[in-house]
N, C-alpha and C. Protein backbone atom coordinates (compact mmCIF):
# COMPACT_ATOMS: atom_id res chain seq x y z
N MET A 1 -36.06 -5.26 -19.23
CA MET A 1 -35.56 -6.35 -18.44
C MET A 1 -34.37 -5.86 -17.61
N ALA A 2 -34.40 -6.11 -16.33
CA ALA A 2 -33.37 -5.64 -15.42
C ALA A 2 -32.12 -6.52 -15.54
N ALA A 3 -30.98 -5.87 -15.35
CA ALA A 3 -29.72 -6.62 -15.37
C ALA A 3 -29.65 -7.50 -14.11
N PRO A 4 -29.05 -8.65 -14.22
CA PRO A 4 -28.94 -9.52 -13.05
C PRO A 4 -28.10 -8.86 -11.96
N GLN A 5 -28.52 -9.03 -10.71
CA GLN A 5 -27.79 -8.50 -9.57
C GLN A 5 -26.57 -9.37 -9.30
N ILE A 6 -25.46 -8.74 -9.12
CA ILE A 6 -24.25 -9.46 -8.77
C ILE A 6 -24.03 -9.25 -7.29
N GLU A 7 -23.92 -10.33 -6.55
CA GLU A 7 -23.72 -10.23 -5.12
C GLU A 7 -22.27 -9.88 -4.83
N LEU A 8 -22.08 -8.84 -4.03
CA LEU A 8 -20.74 -8.40 -3.69
C LEU A 8 -20.19 -9.23 -2.54
N PHE A 9 -18.91 -9.50 -2.61
CA PHE A 9 -18.23 -10.15 -1.50
C PHE A 9 -18.10 -9.15 -0.36
N THR A 10 -18.09 -9.67 0.86
CA THR A 10 -17.93 -8.83 2.05
C THR A 10 -16.63 -9.21 2.75
N ALA A 11 -16.27 -8.41 3.74
CA ALA A 11 -15.09 -8.72 4.54
C ALA A 11 -15.25 -10.07 5.23
N ALA A 12 -16.47 -10.41 5.66
CA ALA A 12 -16.71 -11.72 6.28
C ALA A 12 -16.46 -12.85 5.27
N ASP A 13 -16.91 -12.67 4.03
CA ASP A 13 -16.63 -13.66 2.99
C ASP A 13 -15.12 -13.80 2.78
N TYR A 14 -14.45 -12.66 2.76
CA TYR A 14 -13.01 -12.64 2.56
C TYR A 14 -12.30 -13.43 3.66
N ARG A 15 -12.69 -13.19 4.91
CA ARG A 15 -12.06 -13.88 6.03
C ARG A 15 -12.30 -15.39 5.98
N SER A 16 -13.34 -15.82 5.30
CA SER A 16 -13.65 -17.25 5.23
C SER A 16 -12.96 -17.96 4.06
N MET A 17 -12.17 -17.23 3.28
CA MET A 17 -11.46 -17.84 2.15
C MET A 17 -10.45 -18.86 2.67
N PRO A 18 -10.25 -19.95 1.95
CA PRO A 18 -9.29 -20.97 2.40
C PRO A 18 -7.86 -20.43 2.33
N ALA A 19 -7.02 -20.92 3.21
CA ALA A 19 -5.60 -20.58 3.18
C ALA A 19 -4.95 -21.45 2.11
N ASP A 20 -5.10 -21.03 0.85
CA ASP A 20 -4.64 -21.86 -0.27
C ASP A 20 -3.36 -21.32 -0.92
N GLY A 21 -2.73 -20.33 -0.28
CA GLY A 21 -1.49 -19.78 -0.80
C GLY A 21 -1.67 -18.70 -1.85
N LYS A 22 -2.90 -18.41 -2.24
CA LYS A 22 -3.15 -17.36 -3.23
C LYS A 22 -3.27 -16.01 -2.53
N ARG A 23 -2.93 -14.94 -3.25
CA ARG A 23 -3.01 -13.58 -2.72
C ARG A 23 -4.35 -12.97 -3.13
N TYR A 24 -5.27 -12.90 -2.19
CA TYR A 24 -6.59 -12.33 -2.45
C TYR A 24 -6.65 -10.90 -1.93
N GLN A 25 -7.47 -10.08 -2.61
CA GLN A 25 -7.84 -8.76 -2.13
C GLN A 25 -9.32 -8.57 -2.45
N LEU A 26 -9.96 -7.73 -1.69
CA LEU A 26 -11.37 -7.41 -1.91
C LEU A 26 -11.43 -5.95 -2.32
N ILE A 27 -11.80 -5.71 -3.57
CA ILE A 27 -11.82 -4.35 -4.11
C ILE A 27 -13.22 -4.06 -4.60
N GLU A 28 -13.89 -3.14 -3.91
CA GLU A 28 -15.26 -2.74 -4.25
C GLU A 28 -16.18 -3.96 -4.33
N GLY A 29 -15.99 -4.91 -3.41
CA GLY A 29 -16.84 -6.09 -3.35
C GLY A 29 -16.46 -7.18 -4.33
N GLU A 30 -15.42 -6.99 -5.11
CA GLU A 30 -14.97 -7.98 -6.07
C GLU A 30 -13.74 -8.69 -5.51
N LEU A 31 -13.79 -10.01 -5.46
CA LEU A 31 -12.67 -10.79 -4.97
C LEU A 31 -11.64 -10.92 -6.10
N ILE A 32 -10.43 -10.45 -5.82
CA ILE A 32 -9.37 -10.43 -6.82
C ILE A 32 -8.25 -11.35 -6.34
N VAL A 33 -7.73 -12.17 -7.22
CA VAL A 33 -6.55 -12.98 -6.92
C VAL A 33 -5.45 -12.51 -7.86
N ALA A 34 -4.25 -12.32 -7.31
CA ALA A 34 -3.15 -11.81 -8.12
C ALA A 34 -1.99 -12.80 -8.08
N PRO A 35 -1.27 -12.90 -9.18
CA PRO A 35 -0.09 -13.74 -9.18
C PRO A 35 1.02 -13.10 -8.33
N ALA A 36 2.00 -13.89 -7.98
CA ALA A 36 3.15 -13.35 -7.26
C ALA A 36 3.83 -12.30 -8.12
N PRO A 37 4.31 -11.23 -7.51
CA PRO A 37 4.99 -10.19 -8.30
C PRO A 37 6.34 -10.69 -8.81
N ASN A 38 6.85 -10.01 -9.85
CA ASN A 38 8.15 -10.39 -10.42
C ASN A 38 9.27 -10.06 -9.43
N THR A 39 10.45 -10.54 -9.72
CA THR A 39 11.55 -10.39 -8.77
C THR A 39 11.98 -8.94 -8.58
N PHE A 40 11.95 -8.11 -9.63
CA PHE A 40 12.35 -6.70 -9.44
C PHE A 40 11.36 -6.00 -8.51
N HIS A 41 10.08 -6.29 -8.66
CA HIS A 41 9.06 -5.77 -7.74
C HIS A 41 9.43 -6.15 -6.31
N GLN A 42 9.84 -7.40 -6.11
CA GLN A 42 10.18 -7.88 -4.78
C GLN A 42 11.45 -7.21 -4.25
N PHE A 43 12.42 -6.94 -5.11
CA PHE A 43 13.61 -6.19 -4.69
C PHE A 43 13.20 -4.79 -4.20
N VAL A 44 12.35 -4.13 -4.98
CA VAL A 44 11.90 -2.78 -4.62
C VAL A 44 11.16 -2.81 -3.28
N GLN A 45 10.25 -3.78 -3.13
CA GLN A 45 9.50 -3.90 -1.87
C GLN A 45 10.46 -4.12 -0.70
N ALA A 46 11.39 -5.04 -0.85
CA ALA A 46 12.35 -5.33 0.23
C ALA A 46 13.17 -4.10 0.58
N ASN A 47 13.58 -3.33 -0.43
CA ASN A 47 14.37 -2.12 -0.18
C ASN A 47 13.58 -1.07 0.59
N VAL A 48 12.32 -0.85 0.19
CA VAL A 48 11.49 0.13 0.90
C VAL A 48 11.24 -0.34 2.33
N LEU A 49 10.94 -1.62 2.49
CA LEU A 49 10.73 -2.17 3.84
C LEU A 49 11.98 -1.96 4.70
N TRP A 50 13.14 -2.30 4.16
CA TRP A 50 14.37 -2.17 4.93
C TRP A 50 14.61 -0.71 5.33
N LEU A 51 14.47 0.22 4.38
CA LEU A 51 14.71 1.64 4.67
C LEU A 51 13.78 2.15 5.78
N LEU A 52 12.48 1.82 5.67
CA LEU A 52 11.52 2.32 6.65
C LEU A 52 11.63 1.59 7.98
N LYS A 53 11.85 0.27 7.95
CA LYS A 53 12.01 -0.47 9.21
C LYS A 53 13.26 -0.03 9.96
N ASP A 54 14.34 0.22 9.24
CA ASP A 54 15.55 0.71 9.88
C ASP A 54 15.30 2.06 10.54
N TYR A 55 14.55 2.92 9.85
CA TYR A 55 14.23 4.23 10.43
C TYR A 55 13.43 4.08 11.73
N VAL A 56 12.35 3.28 11.72
CA VAL A 56 11.52 3.17 12.93
C VAL A 56 12.22 2.38 14.03
N ARG A 57 13.20 1.57 13.68
CA ARG A 57 13.98 0.89 14.72
C ARG A 57 14.77 1.91 15.53
N HIS A 58 15.29 2.93 14.86
CA HIS A 58 16.05 3.99 15.53
C HIS A 58 15.18 5.14 16.00
N ASN A 59 13.98 5.27 15.45
CA ASN A 59 13.04 6.34 15.77
C ASN A 59 11.67 5.70 15.96
N PRO A 60 11.37 5.18 17.14
CA PRO A 60 10.14 4.39 17.32
C PRO A 60 8.87 5.26 17.24
N ARG A 61 8.50 5.56 16.01
CA ARG A 61 7.35 6.44 15.75
C ARG A 61 6.14 5.68 15.24
N GLY A 62 6.31 4.37 14.95
CA GLY A 62 5.20 3.60 14.40
C GLY A 62 5.66 2.23 13.96
N THR A 63 4.83 1.59 13.13
CA THR A 63 5.04 0.22 12.69
C THR A 63 5.03 0.16 11.17
N VAL A 64 6.00 -0.56 10.61
CA VAL A 64 6.10 -0.77 9.17
C VAL A 64 5.87 -2.26 8.90
N LEU A 65 4.98 -2.56 7.97
CA LEU A 65 4.67 -3.94 7.59
C LEU A 65 4.64 -4.06 6.07
N GLY A 66 4.84 -5.28 5.59
CA GLY A 66 4.79 -5.54 4.16
C GLY A 66 3.78 -6.62 3.83
N ALA A 67 3.45 -6.71 2.55
CA ALA A 67 2.50 -7.72 2.08
C ALA A 67 3.06 -9.10 2.33
N PRO A 68 2.20 -10.04 2.63
CA PRO A 68 0.76 -9.89 2.76
C PRO A 68 0.35 -9.46 4.17
N CYS A 69 -0.42 -8.40 4.23
CA CYS A 69 -1.01 -7.92 5.48
C CYS A 69 -2.35 -7.30 5.09
N ASP A 70 -3.44 -7.84 5.64
CA ASP A 70 -4.77 -7.36 5.29
C ASP A 70 -5.04 -5.99 5.91
N VAL A 71 -5.57 -5.09 5.09
CA VAL A 71 -6.00 -3.77 5.56
C VAL A 71 -7.49 -3.69 5.28
N TYR A 72 -8.28 -3.65 6.37
CA TYR A 72 -9.74 -3.61 6.28
C TYR A 72 -10.19 -2.15 6.29
N LEU A 73 -10.67 -1.67 5.13
CA LEU A 73 -11.13 -0.28 5.04
C LEU A 73 -12.62 -0.18 5.30
N ASP A 74 -13.38 -1.14 4.79
CA ASP A 74 -14.82 -1.18 5.02
C ASP A 74 -15.29 -2.59 4.66
N ASP A 75 -16.57 -2.82 4.59
CA ASP A 75 -17.08 -4.17 4.38
C ASP A 75 -16.84 -4.71 2.97
N HIS A 76 -16.46 -3.85 2.02
CA HIS A 76 -16.25 -4.31 0.65
C HIS A 76 -14.84 -4.03 0.13
N ASN A 77 -13.94 -3.60 1.01
CA ASN A 77 -12.58 -3.28 0.58
C ASN A 77 -11.57 -3.76 1.62
N VAL A 78 -10.85 -4.82 1.25
CA VAL A 78 -9.77 -5.37 2.07
C VAL A 78 -8.56 -5.50 1.15
N TYR A 79 -7.53 -4.73 1.43
CA TYR A 79 -6.37 -4.65 0.55
C TYR A 79 -5.14 -5.25 1.21
N GLN A 80 -4.16 -5.56 0.37
CA GLN A 80 -2.86 -6.01 0.81
C GLN A 80 -1.81 -5.14 0.12
N PRO A 81 -1.58 -3.94 0.66
CA PRO A 81 -0.59 -3.07 0.04
C PRO A 81 0.81 -3.67 0.16
N ASP A 82 1.70 -3.26 -0.72
CA ASP A 82 3.06 -3.78 -0.69
C ASP A 82 3.78 -3.42 0.60
N VAL A 83 3.63 -2.17 1.04
CA VAL A 83 4.24 -1.69 2.28
C VAL A 83 3.24 -0.74 2.92
N LEU A 84 3.18 -0.76 4.26
CA LEU A 84 2.33 0.18 4.97
C LEU A 84 3.02 0.63 6.24
N TYR A 85 2.61 1.80 6.71
CA TYR A 85 3.13 2.37 7.96
C TYR A 85 1.95 2.88 8.77
N VAL A 86 1.93 2.51 10.05
CA VAL A 86 0.92 3.01 10.98
C VAL A 86 1.67 3.77 12.07
N ALA A 87 1.36 5.07 12.20
CA ALA A 87 2.01 5.89 13.23
C ALA A 87 1.63 5.40 14.62
N ARG A 88 2.51 5.63 15.56
CA ARG A 88 2.32 5.17 16.94
C ARG A 88 0.98 5.60 17.51
N GLU A 89 0.53 6.81 17.22
CA GLU A 89 -0.74 7.29 17.76
C GLU A 89 -1.95 6.55 17.18
N ASN A 90 -1.75 5.81 16.10
CA ASN A 90 -2.82 5.02 15.49
C ASN A 90 -2.62 3.52 15.68
N ALA A 91 -1.78 3.14 16.61
CA ALA A 91 -1.43 1.73 16.82
C ALA A 91 -2.64 0.86 17.15
N ALA A 92 -3.71 1.43 17.69
CA ALA A 92 -4.91 0.64 18.01
C ALA A 92 -5.55 0.04 16.75
N ARG A 93 -5.20 0.54 15.59
CA ARG A 93 -5.73 -0.01 14.34
C ARG A 93 -5.10 -1.37 14.00
N ILE A 94 -3.98 -1.69 14.63
CA ILE A 94 -3.27 -2.93 14.34
C ILE A 94 -3.84 -4.04 15.22
N LYS A 95 -4.41 -5.05 14.57
CA LYS A 95 -4.97 -6.22 15.25
C LYS A 95 -4.19 -7.45 14.79
N ASP A 96 -4.43 -8.57 15.43
CA ASP A 96 -3.72 -9.80 15.06
C ASP A 96 -3.98 -10.23 13.62
N ASP A 97 -5.17 -9.97 13.10
CA ASP A 97 -5.50 -10.42 11.75
C ASP A 97 -5.42 -9.33 10.69
N GLY A 98 -4.86 -8.18 11.03
CA GLY A 98 -4.70 -7.14 10.03
C GLY A 98 -4.83 -5.75 10.61
N ILE A 99 -4.91 -4.79 9.72
CA ILE A 99 -5.05 -3.38 10.07
C ILE A 99 -6.51 -3.00 9.82
N TYR A 100 -7.13 -2.37 10.81
CA TYR A 100 -8.53 -1.95 10.69
C TYR A 100 -8.57 -0.42 10.66
N GLY A 101 -8.73 0.10 9.45
CA GLY A 101 -8.72 1.54 9.25
C GLY A 101 -7.54 1.93 8.39
N ALA A 102 -7.37 3.22 8.27
CA ALA A 102 -6.38 3.75 7.33
C ALA A 102 -4.97 3.74 7.91
N PRO A 103 -4.02 3.07 7.23
CA PRO A 103 -2.62 3.27 7.58
C PRO A 103 -2.23 4.72 7.25
N ASP A 104 -1.20 5.22 7.89
CA ASP A 104 -0.77 6.59 7.62
C ASP A 104 -0.05 6.70 6.28
N LEU A 105 0.65 5.63 5.89
CA LEU A 105 1.34 5.59 4.60
C LEU A 105 1.05 4.27 3.93
N ILE A 106 0.77 4.34 2.64
CA ILE A 106 0.64 3.16 1.79
C ILE A 106 1.66 3.30 0.67
N VAL A 107 2.37 2.20 0.40
CA VAL A 107 3.29 2.14 -0.74
C VAL A 107 2.80 1.03 -1.65
N GLU A 108 2.49 1.38 -2.88
CA GLU A 108 2.11 0.39 -3.89
C GLU A 108 3.16 0.41 -4.99
N ILE A 109 3.66 -0.78 -5.32
CA ILE A 109 4.65 -0.95 -6.37
C ILE A 109 3.91 -1.52 -7.58
N LEU A 110 3.90 -0.78 -8.65
CA LEU A 110 3.13 -1.18 -9.82
C LEU A 110 3.74 -2.40 -10.50
N SER A 111 2.86 -3.32 -10.87
CA SER A 111 3.21 -4.48 -11.68
C SER A 111 2.28 -4.46 -12.89
N PRO A 112 2.73 -4.97 -14.03
CA PRO A 112 1.84 -4.97 -15.19
C PRO A 112 0.47 -5.60 -14.91
N SER A 113 0.43 -6.65 -14.10
CA SER A 113 -0.84 -7.35 -13.87
C SER A 113 -1.74 -6.66 -12.85
N THR A 114 -1.20 -5.76 -12.04
CA THR A 114 -2.01 -5.16 -10.98
C THR A 114 -2.03 -3.63 -10.99
N ALA A 115 -1.39 -2.98 -11.94
CA ALA A 115 -1.29 -1.52 -11.93
C ALA A 115 -2.66 -0.84 -11.90
N GLY A 116 -3.60 -1.32 -12.68
CA GLY A 116 -4.94 -0.73 -12.69
C GLY A 116 -5.63 -0.84 -11.35
N LEU A 117 -5.49 -1.98 -10.69
CA LEU A 117 -6.08 -2.16 -9.36
C LEU A 117 -5.42 -1.25 -8.34
N ASP A 118 -4.10 -1.13 -8.40
CA ASP A 118 -3.38 -0.27 -7.45
C ASP A 118 -3.85 1.18 -7.58
N ARG A 119 -4.10 1.61 -8.80
CA ARG A 119 -4.58 2.99 -8.99
C ARG A 119 -6.00 3.16 -8.46
N ARG A 120 -6.84 2.13 -8.61
CA ARG A 120 -8.22 2.19 -8.05
C ARG A 120 -8.18 2.27 -6.54
N LYS A 121 -7.27 1.54 -5.92
CA LYS A 121 -7.19 1.51 -4.46
C LYS A 121 -6.80 2.87 -3.89
N ARG A 122 -6.02 3.63 -4.63
CA ARG A 122 -5.55 4.94 -4.14
C ARG A 122 -6.72 5.83 -3.70
N ALA A 123 -7.79 5.88 -4.47
CA ALA A 123 -8.95 6.72 -4.11
C ALA A 123 -9.58 6.27 -2.80
N HIS A 124 -9.62 4.97 -2.57
CA HIS A 124 -10.19 4.46 -1.32
C HIS A 124 -9.32 4.84 -0.13
N PHE A 125 -8.01 4.71 -0.29
CA PHE A 125 -7.11 5.10 0.81
C PHE A 125 -7.25 6.59 1.12
N ALA A 126 -7.40 7.40 0.09
CA ALA A 126 -7.59 8.84 0.32
C ALA A 126 -8.88 9.11 1.08
N ALA A 127 -9.95 8.40 0.74
CA ALA A 127 -11.26 8.64 1.34
C ALA A 127 -11.32 8.25 2.82
N VAL A 128 -10.51 7.27 3.23
CA VAL A 128 -10.60 6.80 4.61
C VAL A 128 -9.58 7.44 5.55
N GLY A 129 -8.72 8.32 5.03
CA GLY A 129 -7.83 9.05 5.93
C GLY A 129 -6.36 8.71 5.87
N THR A 130 -5.92 7.93 4.88
CA THR A 130 -4.49 7.71 4.72
C THR A 130 -3.83 9.06 4.44
N VAL A 131 -2.69 9.30 5.04
CA VAL A 131 -2.01 10.59 4.91
C VAL A 131 -1.23 10.66 3.60
N GLU A 132 -0.39 9.65 3.36
CA GLU A 132 0.45 9.64 2.16
C GLU A 132 0.32 8.33 1.41
N PHE A 133 0.56 8.41 0.12
CA PHE A 133 0.53 7.25 -0.78
C PHE A 133 1.71 7.39 -1.71
N TRP A 134 2.58 6.38 -1.72
CA TRP A 134 3.70 6.37 -2.65
C TRP A 134 3.41 5.32 -3.71
N GLN A 135 3.36 5.75 -4.95
CA GLN A 135 3.14 4.84 -6.07
C GLN A 135 4.46 4.71 -6.82
N ILE A 136 5.03 3.52 -6.77
CA ILE A 136 6.35 3.29 -7.35
C ILE A 136 6.20 2.51 -8.65
N ASP A 137 6.82 3.05 -9.70
CA ASP A 137 6.81 2.38 -11.00
C ASP A 137 8.23 1.87 -11.28
N PRO A 138 8.50 0.58 -11.03
CA PRO A 138 9.84 0.07 -11.26
C PRO A 138 10.30 0.18 -12.71
N GLY A 139 9.37 0.04 -13.66
CA GLY A 139 9.73 0.13 -15.07
C GLY A 139 10.27 1.50 -15.44
N LEU A 140 9.65 2.54 -14.89
CA LEU A 140 10.10 3.92 -15.15
C LEU A 140 11.15 4.38 -14.16
N ARG A 141 11.36 3.57 -13.09
CA ARG A 141 12.25 3.96 -11.99
C ARG A 141 11.84 5.33 -11.46
N GLN A 142 10.56 5.36 -11.05
CA GLN A 142 9.93 6.62 -10.67
C GLN A 142 8.97 6.40 -9.50
N LEU A 143 8.89 7.39 -8.63
CA LEU A 143 7.98 7.36 -7.50
C LEU A 143 7.09 8.60 -7.55
N GLN A 144 5.78 8.38 -7.43
CA GLN A 144 4.84 9.49 -7.31
C GLN A 144 4.43 9.56 -5.85
N ARG A 145 4.59 10.73 -5.24
CA ARG A 145 4.25 10.90 -3.82
C ARG A 145 2.98 11.74 -3.72
N PHE A 146 1.93 11.11 -3.18
CA PHE A 146 0.64 11.77 -2.98
C PHE A 146 0.51 12.14 -1.50
N VAL A 147 0.07 13.35 -1.24
CA VAL A 147 -0.32 13.76 0.11
C VAL A 147 -1.80 14.11 -0.02
N PHE A 148 -2.65 13.26 0.57
CA PHE A 148 -4.07 13.35 0.29
C PHE A 148 -4.72 14.61 0.83
N ALA A 149 -4.14 15.27 1.81
CA ALA A 149 -4.69 16.54 2.28
C ALA A 149 -4.59 17.61 1.18
N GLU A 150 -3.66 17.42 0.26
CA GLU A 150 -3.48 18.36 -0.84
C GLU A 150 -4.25 17.94 -2.09
N SER A 151 -4.18 16.64 -2.44
CA SER A 151 -4.90 16.14 -3.61
C SER A 151 -4.90 14.62 -3.60
N ALA A 152 -6.04 14.06 -3.90
CA ALA A 152 -6.14 12.60 -4.01
C ALA A 152 -5.83 12.12 -5.42
N THR A 153 -5.79 13.04 -6.38
CA THR A 153 -5.62 12.65 -7.77
C THR A 153 -4.30 13.08 -8.39
N LYS A 154 -3.65 14.07 -7.81
CA LYS A 154 -2.39 14.56 -8.38
C LYS A 154 -1.27 14.41 -7.36
N PRO A 155 -0.16 13.80 -7.79
CA PRO A 155 0.97 13.69 -6.85
C PRO A 155 1.55 15.06 -6.55
N ILE A 156 2.04 15.23 -5.31
CA ILE A 156 2.70 16.49 -4.98
C ILE A 156 4.12 16.51 -5.49
N SER A 157 4.68 15.31 -5.74
CA SER A 157 6.00 15.25 -6.34
C SER A 157 6.16 13.99 -7.16
N LEU A 158 6.99 14.12 -8.17
CA LEU A 158 7.34 13.03 -9.07
C LEU A 158 8.85 12.89 -8.96
N ILE A 159 9.31 11.78 -8.40
CA ILE A 159 10.72 11.60 -8.10
C ILE A 159 11.29 10.53 -9.01
N ASP A 160 12.25 10.92 -9.83
CA ASP A 160 12.91 10.00 -10.75
C ASP A 160 14.26 9.58 -10.15
N GLU A 161 14.71 8.40 -10.54
CA GLU A 161 16.05 7.99 -10.16
C GLU A 161 17.03 8.90 -10.88
N PRO A 162 18.03 9.49 -10.27
CA PRO A 162 18.63 9.24 -8.97
C PRO A 162 18.25 10.28 -7.89
N GLU A 163 17.08 10.88 -7.99
CA GLU A 163 16.70 11.91 -7.03
C GLU A 163 16.39 11.30 -5.66
N SER A 164 16.32 12.18 -4.65
CA SER A 164 15.99 11.79 -3.29
C SER A 164 14.76 12.56 -2.85
N PHE A 165 14.11 12.09 -1.78
CA PHE A 165 12.94 12.77 -1.25
C PHE A 165 12.83 12.51 0.23
N SER A 166 11.93 13.24 0.87
CA SER A 166 11.66 13.03 2.30
C SER A 166 10.17 13.19 2.52
N SER A 167 9.74 12.76 3.71
CA SER A 167 8.33 12.83 4.09
C SER A 167 8.25 13.28 5.54
N PRO A 168 7.29 14.15 5.86
CA PRO A 168 7.12 14.54 7.27
C PRO A 168 6.73 13.38 8.18
N LEU A 169 6.29 12.26 7.62
CA LEU A 169 6.00 11.08 8.44
C LEU A 169 7.27 10.49 9.05
N PHE A 170 8.42 10.77 8.42
CA PHE A 170 9.71 10.23 8.86
C PHE A 170 10.74 11.36 8.98
N PRO A 171 10.60 12.21 10.00
CA PRO A 171 11.49 13.38 10.13
C PRO A 171 12.97 12.96 10.15
N GLY A 172 13.75 13.66 9.36
CA GLY A 172 15.18 13.41 9.33
C GLY A 172 15.60 12.33 8.34
N LEU A 173 14.66 11.65 7.70
CA LEU A 173 14.99 10.59 6.75
C LEU A 173 14.92 11.15 5.33
N THR A 174 16.01 10.97 4.60
CA THR A 174 16.04 11.28 3.17
C THR A 174 16.23 9.95 2.45
N ILE A 175 15.34 9.69 1.49
CA ILE A 175 15.37 8.42 0.77
C ILE A 175 15.87 8.67 -0.64
N ALA A 176 16.94 7.98 -0.98
CA ALA A 176 17.49 8.05 -2.34
C ALA A 176 16.81 6.99 -3.21
N THR A 177 16.33 7.38 -4.35
CA THR A 177 15.67 6.41 -5.22
C THR A 177 16.66 5.33 -5.69
N THR A 178 17.95 5.65 -5.69
CA THR A 178 18.93 4.61 -6.04
C THR A 178 18.88 3.47 -5.03
N GLU A 179 18.53 3.77 -3.78
CA GLU A 179 18.38 2.73 -2.77
C GLU A 179 17.10 1.92 -2.98
N ILE A 180 16.06 2.57 -3.45
CA ILE A 180 14.80 1.87 -3.72
C ILE A 180 14.94 0.91 -4.89
N PHE A 181 15.62 1.36 -5.95
CA PHE A 181 15.68 0.56 -7.18
C PHE A 181 16.92 -0.33 -7.26
N ARG A 182 17.63 -0.49 -6.17
CA ARG A 182 18.82 -1.34 -6.15
C ARG A 182 18.42 -2.82 -6.19
N ARG A 183 19.09 -3.60 -7.00
CA ARG A 183 18.83 -5.05 -7.08
C ARG A 183 19.72 -5.77 -6.11
């Protein structure tokens, strides 16, 4: 006896969801709703947004956006990363209703309720051409920096508080983890 077929949600189904205030994502055809993140997660997100937005304000190299912002990777994967960056040369990917294609940088801040999903999404971002992925663990006060040209599964660096790091996506910017984890 064959297992019952489960119909996968599509990007079109996702776009037809009611504006009910819930945070939806489409992961491998599965519609996921997530609760609002805790306040420390929101502090970390705001800090990363401020650091990167301040940089691009003085160095207009691209666009920095924060959740909720839909990123359409394919017909079965629509994500809302915590922070994203699209380089100026890829600005055509930015549409009124979201980003179509791979952002150059994705930042995911782990929460107990969504950490497993955030790790699943990393492989998809690597496959579609995202350059860098920063996975931030507020509980450990740690950032894993992935450069997908080198490896989609192993971070190229593990940065603990109070260390600093930089990225070639933002020349001249050094980010102190104390600034990321500041309340």
